[in-house]
Amino acid sequence: MTFMHVIDINVVGVFHVLKAAAQHLRDAGLGVIVNMASYAGVVGPPNMLAYAASKFAVIGMTQTAAKDLAPYGIRVNALSPALIGPGFMWTRQTELQAAVGSQYFDTDPKVVEQQMINSVPMRRLGSLDEVANGVAFLMSDEASYITGFNLEITGGQ
């Protein structure tokens, strides 16, 4: 996957959805938008330049859109999960990190998996339910005074 392909999906795609949602919610006079970022867009992990850059951009778009849309009663936040799994994306991430042959990770995907989990203070992967619960919170009335925020679901990283 090329750098521009990642940017087109993760930045340009999010921009178009954000713009369409904002137009619809402005007409309604209120609403909530939650953009999917990533902890990679907070810390800049090794060997993930395009992905990290795209998720940094999503966080920046979230912060700017929150300011622009607040006068219309629209809250805009982002969610940044870290290591979530098991599943295809988790397996693919460990395989790709192993294949790079960098100083940061082993060349065996199973060893990489353990290295990555060991970097999490809670010593486990997050679950899809934990990500969904973060989205539900940001969309709820309990978060009614939260906008421009990036909720990190990281297990303490």
C-alpha atoms as a PDB file:
ATOM      1  CA  MET A   1       0.000   0.000   0.000  1.00  0.00           C
ATOM      2  CA  THR A   2       1.442   3.383  -0.957  1.00  0.00           C
ATOM      3  CA  PHE A   3       1.700   6.458   1.248  1.00  0.00           C
ATOM      4  CA  MET A   4      -0.908   8.296  -0.824  1.00  0.00           C
ATOM      5  CA  HIS A   5      -3.291   5.335  -0.713  1.00  0.00           C
ATOM      6  CA  VAL A   6      -3.184   5.365   3.103  1.00  0.00           C
ATOM      7  CA  ILE A   7      -3.699   9.157   3.136  1.00  0.00           C
ATOM      8  CA  ASP A   8      -6.602   8.873   0.684  1.00  0.00           C
ATOM      9  CA  ILE A   9      -8.389   6.332   2.872  1.00  0.00           C
ATOM     10  CA  ASN A  10      -7.561   7.608   6.365  1.00  0.00           C
ATOM     11  CA  VAL A  11      -7.484  11.367   5.786  1.00  0.00           C
ATOM     12  CA  VAL A  12      -9.445  12.192   2.647  1.00  0.00           C
ATOM     13  CA  GLY A  13     -12.060   9.548   3.462  1.00  0.00           C
ATOM     14  CA  VAL A  14     -12.531  10.822   7.004  1.00  0.00           C
ATOM     15  CA  PHE A  15     -12.720  14.388   5.688  1.00  0.00           C
ATOM     16  CA  HIS A  16     -15.557  13.531   3.285  1.00  0.00           C
ATOM     17  CA  VAL A  17     -17.549  11.650   5.934  1.00  0.00           C
ATOM     18  CA  LEU A  18     -16.949  14.447   8.465  1.00  0.00           C
ATOM     19  CA  LYS A  19     -18.105  17.061   5.953  1.00  0.00           C
ATOM     20  CA  ALA A  20     -21.259  15.139   5.035  1.00  0.00           C
ATOM     21  CA  ALA A  21     -22.133  14.425   8.670  1.00  0.00           C
ATOM     22  CA  ALA A  22     -21.515  18.045   9.650  1.00  0.00           C
ATOM     23  CA  GLN A  23     -23.837  19.326   6.923  1.00  0.00           C
ATOM     24  CA  HIS A  24     -26.598  16.956   8.004  1.00  0.00           C
ATOM     25  CA  LEU A  25     -26.153  17.680  11.722  1.00  0.00           C
ATOM     26  CA  ARG A  26     -26.019  21.459  11.163  1.00  0.00           C
ATOM     27  CA  ASP A  27     -29.459  21.222   9.599  1.00  0.00           C
ATOM     28  CA  ALA A  28     -30.643  19.291  12.666  1.00  0.00           C
ATOM     29  CA  GLY A  29     -29.052  21.820  15.030  1.00  0.00           C
ATOM     30  CA  LEU A  30     -27.198  19.288  17.161  1.00  0.00           C
ATOM     31  CA  GLY A  31     -25.269  16.065  17.046  1.00  0.00           C
ATOM     32  CA  VAL A  32     -22.123  14.124  17.785  1.00  0.00           C
ATOM     33  CA  ILE A  33     -19.347  12.964  15.489  1.00  0.00           C
ATOM     34  CA  VAL A  34     -16.725  10.464  16.611  1.00  0.00           C
ATOM     35  CA  ASN A  35     -13.747  10.051  14.284  1.00  0.00           C
ATOM     36  CA  MET A  36     -11.677   6.882  14.417  1.00  0.00           C
ATOM     37  CA  ALA A  37      -8.049   7.826  14.981  1.00  0.00           C
ATOM     38  CA  SER A  38      -5.376   5.588  16.486  1.00  0.00           C
ATOM     39  CA  TYR A  39      -2.813   5.674  19.247  1.00  0.00           C
ATOM     40  CA  ALA A  40      -0.303   5.516  16.376  1.00  0.00           C
ATOM     41  CA  GLY A  41      -1.392   9.093  15.657  1.00  0.00           C
ATOM     42  CA  VAL A  42      -0.419  10.100  19.176  1.00  0.00           C
ATOM     43  CA  VAL A  43       2.959   8.408  19.639  1.00  0.00           C
ATOM     44  CA  GLY A  44       4.320   7.800  16.136  1.00  0.00           C
ATOM     45  CA  PRO A  45       5.284   4.118  16.372  1.00  0.00           C
ATOM     46  CA  PRO A  46       8.223   2.745  14.390  1.00  0.00           C
ATOM     47  CA  ASN A  47       7.783   1.385  10.874  1.00  0.00           C
ATOM     48  CA  MET A  48       4.324   2.940  10.388  1.00  0.00           C
ATOM     49  CA  LEU A  49       5.019   6.352   8.843  1.00  0.00           C
ATOM     50  CA  ALA A  50       2.013   6.636   6.512  1.00  0.00           C
ATOM     51  CA  TYR A  51      -0.450   5.214   9.025  1.00  0.00           C
ATOM     52  CA  ALA A  52       0.816   7.374  11.895  1.00  0.00           C
ATOM     53  CA  ALA A  53       0.775  10.517   9.727  1.00  0.00           C
ATOM     54  CA  SER A  54      -2.782   9.795   8.621  1.00  0.00           C
ATOM     55  CA  LYS A  55      -4.007   9.308  12.174  1.00  0.00           C
ATOM     56  CA  PHE A  56      -2.202  12.450  13.408  1.00  0.00           C
ATOM     57  CA  ALA A  57      -4.213  14.211  10.680  1.00  0.00           C
ATOM     58  CA  VAL A  58      -7.492  12.708  11.919  1.00  0.00           C
ATOM     59  CA  ILE A  59      -6.799  14.016  15.420  1.00  0.00           C
ATOM     60  CA  GLY A  60      -6.025  17.471  14.005  1.00  0.00           C
ATOM     61  CA  MET A  61      -9.191  17.472  11.885  1.00  0.00           C
ATOM     62  CA  THR A  62     -11.178  16.468  14.969  1.00  0.00           C
ATOM     63  CA  GLN A  63      -9.801  19.334  17.039  1.00  0.00           C
ATOM     64  CA  THR A  64     -10.423  21.900  14.304  1.00  0.00           C
ATOM     65  CA  ALA A  65     -13.904  20.604  13.419  1.00  0.00           C
ATOM     66  CA  ALA A  66     -14.845  20.661  17.116  1.00  0.00           C
ATOM     67  CA  LYS A  67     -14.154  24.402  17.216  1.00  0.00           C
ATOM     68  CA  ASP A  68     -15.881  25.049  13.894  1.00  0.00           C
ATOM     69  CA  LEU A  69     -19.012  23.045  14.725  1.00  0.00           C
ATOM     70  CA  ALA A  70     -19.480  23.855  18.434  1.00  0.00           C
ATOM     71  CA  PRO A  71     -21.603  26.955  17.641  1.00  0.00           C
ATOM     72  CA  TYR A  72     -24.068  24.617  15.891  1.00  0.00           C
ATOM     73  CA  GLY A  73     -24.428  22.299  18.892  1.00  0.00           C
ATOM     74  CA  ILE A  74     -22.280  19.617  17.295  1.00  0.00           C
ATOM     75  CA  ARG A  75     -19.614  17.871  19.346  1.00  0.00           C
ATOM     76  CA  VAL A  76     -16.659  16.289  17.528  1.00  0.00           C
ATOM     77  CA  ASN A  77     -14.295  13.863  19.228  1.00  0.00           C
ATOM     78  CA  ALA A  78     -11.872  11.131  18.222  1.00  0.00           C
ATOM     79  CA  LEU A  79     -11.086   7.717  19.584  1.00  0.00           C
ATOM     80  CA  SER A  80      -7.545   6.314  19.506  1.00  0.00           C
ATOM     81  CA  PRO A  81      -7.277   2.613  20.219  1.00  0.00           C
ATOM     82  CA  ALA A  82      -3.842   1.060  20.661  1.00  0.00           C
ATOM     83  CA  LEU A  83      -3.386  -2.702  20.449  1.00  0.00           C
ATOM     84  CA  ILE A  84      -6.772  -4.329  19.792  1.00  0.00           C
ATOM     85  CA  GLY A  85      -7.283  -7.992  19.065  1.00  0.00           C
ATOM     86  CA  PRO A  86      -7.197 -10.800  18.410  1.00  0.00           C
ATOM     87  CA  GLY A  87      -8.220 -10.712  14.786  1.00  0.00           C
ATOM     88  CA  PHE A  88      -7.020 -10.103  11.264  1.00  0.00           C
ATOM     89  CA  MET A  89      -5.645  -6.595  11.874  1.00  0.00           C
ATOM     90  CA  TRP A  90      -3.691  -7.660  14.967  1.00  0.00           C
ATOM     91  CA  THR A  91      -2.172 -10.648  13.154  1.00  0.00           C
ATOM     92  CA  ARG A  92      -1.354  -8.540  10.099  1.00  0.00           C
ATOM     93  CA  GLN A  93       0.310  -5.843  12.235  1.00  0.00           C
ATOM     94  CA  THR A  94       2.590  -8.344  13.968  1.00  0.00           C
ATOM     95  CA  GLU A  95       3.475  -9.993  10.645  1.00  0.00           C
ATOM     96  CA  LEU A  96       4.342  -6.665   9.034  1.00  0.00           C
ATOM     97  CA  GLN A  97       6.438  -5.521  11.994  1.00  0.00           C
ATOM     98  CA  ALA A  98       8.339  -8.824  11.933  1.00  0.00           C
ATOM     99  CA  ALA A  99       8.930  -8.559   8.184  1.00  0.00           C
ATOM    100  CA  VAL A 100      10.538  -5.106   8.444  1.00  0.00           C
ATOM    101  CA  GLY A 101      13.586  -6.461  10.233  1.00  0.00           C
ATOM    102  CA  SER A 102      14.011  -3.308  12.305  1.00  0.00           C
ATOM    103  CA  GLN A 103      15.810  -2.800  15.574  1.00  0.00           C
ATOM    104  CA  TYR A 104      12.476  -2.510  17.355  1.00  0.00           C
ATOM    105  CA  PHE A 105      10.975  -5.956  16.798  1.00  0.00           C
ATOM    106  CA  ASP A 106      12.007  -9.551  16.291  1.00  0.00           C
ATOM    107  CA  THR A 107      11.637 -11.235  12.892  1.00  0.00           C
ATOM    108  CA  ASP A 108       9.260 -13.866  14.292  1.00  0.00           C
ATOM    109  CA  PRO A 109       5.633 -12.612  14.372  1.00  0.00           C
ATOM    110  CA  LYS A 110       4.901 -14.639  17.541  1.00  0.00           C
ATOM    111  CA  VAL A 111       7.803 -12.943  19.336  1.00  0.00           C
ATOM    112  CA  VAL A 112       6.644  -9.551  17.999  1.00  0.00           C
ATOM    113  CA  GLU A 113       3.181 -10.268  19.396  1.00  0.00           C
ATOM    114  CA  GLN A 114       4.648 -10.837  22.855  1.00  0.00           C
ATOM    115  CA  GLN A 115       6.939  -7.791  22.566  1.00  0.00           C
ATOM    116  CA  MET A 116       3.964  -5.606  21.721  1.00  0.00           C
ATOM    117  CA  ILE A 117       1.748  -6.989  24.494  1.00  0.00           C
ATOM    118  CA  ASN A 118       4.626  -6.515  26.951  1.00  0.00           C
ATOM    119  CA  SER A 119       4.647  -2.805  26.050  1.00  0.00           C
ATOM    120  CA  VAL A 120       1.124  -2.492  27.488  1.00  0.00           C
ATOM    121  CA  PRO A 121       1.039  -1.912  31.265  1.00  0.00           C
ATOM    122  CA  MET A 122      -2.157  -3.995  31.507  1.00  0.00           C
ATOM    123  CA  ARG A 123      -0.312  -6.801  29.631  1.00  0.00           C
ATOM    124  CA  ARG A 124      -3.184  -7.621  27.293  1.00  0.00           C
ATOM    125  CA  LEU A 125      -4.859  -6.553  24.090  1.00  0.00           C
ATOM    126  CA  GLY A 126      -7.892  -4.329  24.138  1.00  0.00           C
ATOM    127  CA  SER A 127     -11.173  -5.700  22.825  1.00  0.00           C
ATOM    128  CA  LEU A 128     -13.567  -4.456  20.191  1.00  0.00           C
ATOM    129  CA  ASP A 129     -16.165  -4.078  22.948  1.00  0.00           C
ATOM    130  CA  GLU A 130     -13.838  -1.709  24.817  1.00  0.00           C
ATOM    131  CA  VAL A 131     -13.489   0.414  21.673  1.00  0.00           C
ATOM    132  CA  ALA A 132     -17.266   0.392  21.145  1.00  0.00           C
ATOM    133  CA  ASN A 133     -17.799   1.405  24.773  1.00  0.00           C
ATOM    134  CA  GLY A 134     -15.519   4.408  24.231  1.00  0.00           C
ATOM    135  CA  VAL A 135     -17.550   5.469  21.202  1.00  0.00           C
ATOM    136  CA  ALA A 136     -20.800   4.995  23.130  1.00  0.00           C
ATOM    137  CA  PHE A 137     -19.479   7.177  25.957  1.00  0.00           C
ATOM    138  CA  LEU A 138     -18.388   9.976  23.609  1.00  0.00           C
ATOM    139  CA  MET A 139     -21.811   9.907  21.951  1.00  0.00           C
ATOM    140  CA  SER A 140     -23.718   9.865  25.241  1.00  0.00           C
ATOM    141  CA  ASP A 141     -25.187  12.700  27.286  1.00  0.00           C
ATOM    142  CA  GLU A 142     -22.543  11.936  29.933  1.00  0.00           C
ATOM    143  CA  ALA A 143     -20.021  13.454  27.501  1.00  0.00           C
ATOM    144  CA  SER A 144     -22.168  16.491  26.701  1.00  0.00           C
ATOM    145  CA  TYR A 145     -19.407  18.981  27.583  1.00  0.00           C
ATOM    146  CA  ILE A 146     -16.634  17.097  25.787  1.00  0.00           C
ATOM    147  CA  THR A 147     -15.589  18.211  22.317  1.00  0.00           C
ATOM    148  CA  GLY A 148     -12.257  18.297  20.508  1.00  0.00           C
ATOM    149  CA  PHE A 149     -11.074  15.406  22.685  1.00  0.00           C
ATOM    150  CA  ASN A 150      -9.129  12.316  21.669  1.00  0.00           C
ATOM    151  CA  LEU A 151     -10.036   9.361  23.893  1.00  0.00           C
ATOM    152  CA  GLU A 152      -7.103   6.947  24.074  1.00  0.00           C
ATOM    153  CA  ILE A 153      -7.984   3.284  24.622  1.00  0.00           C
ATOM    154  CA  THR A 154      -4.491   1.978  25.353  1.00  0.00           C
ATOM    155  CA  GLY A 155      -4.284  -0.241  28.411  1.00  0.00           C
ATOM    156  CA  GLY A 156      -2.010   2.376  29.951  1.00  0.00           C
ATOM    157  CA  GLN A 157       0.551   2.832  27.174  1.00  0.00           C
END
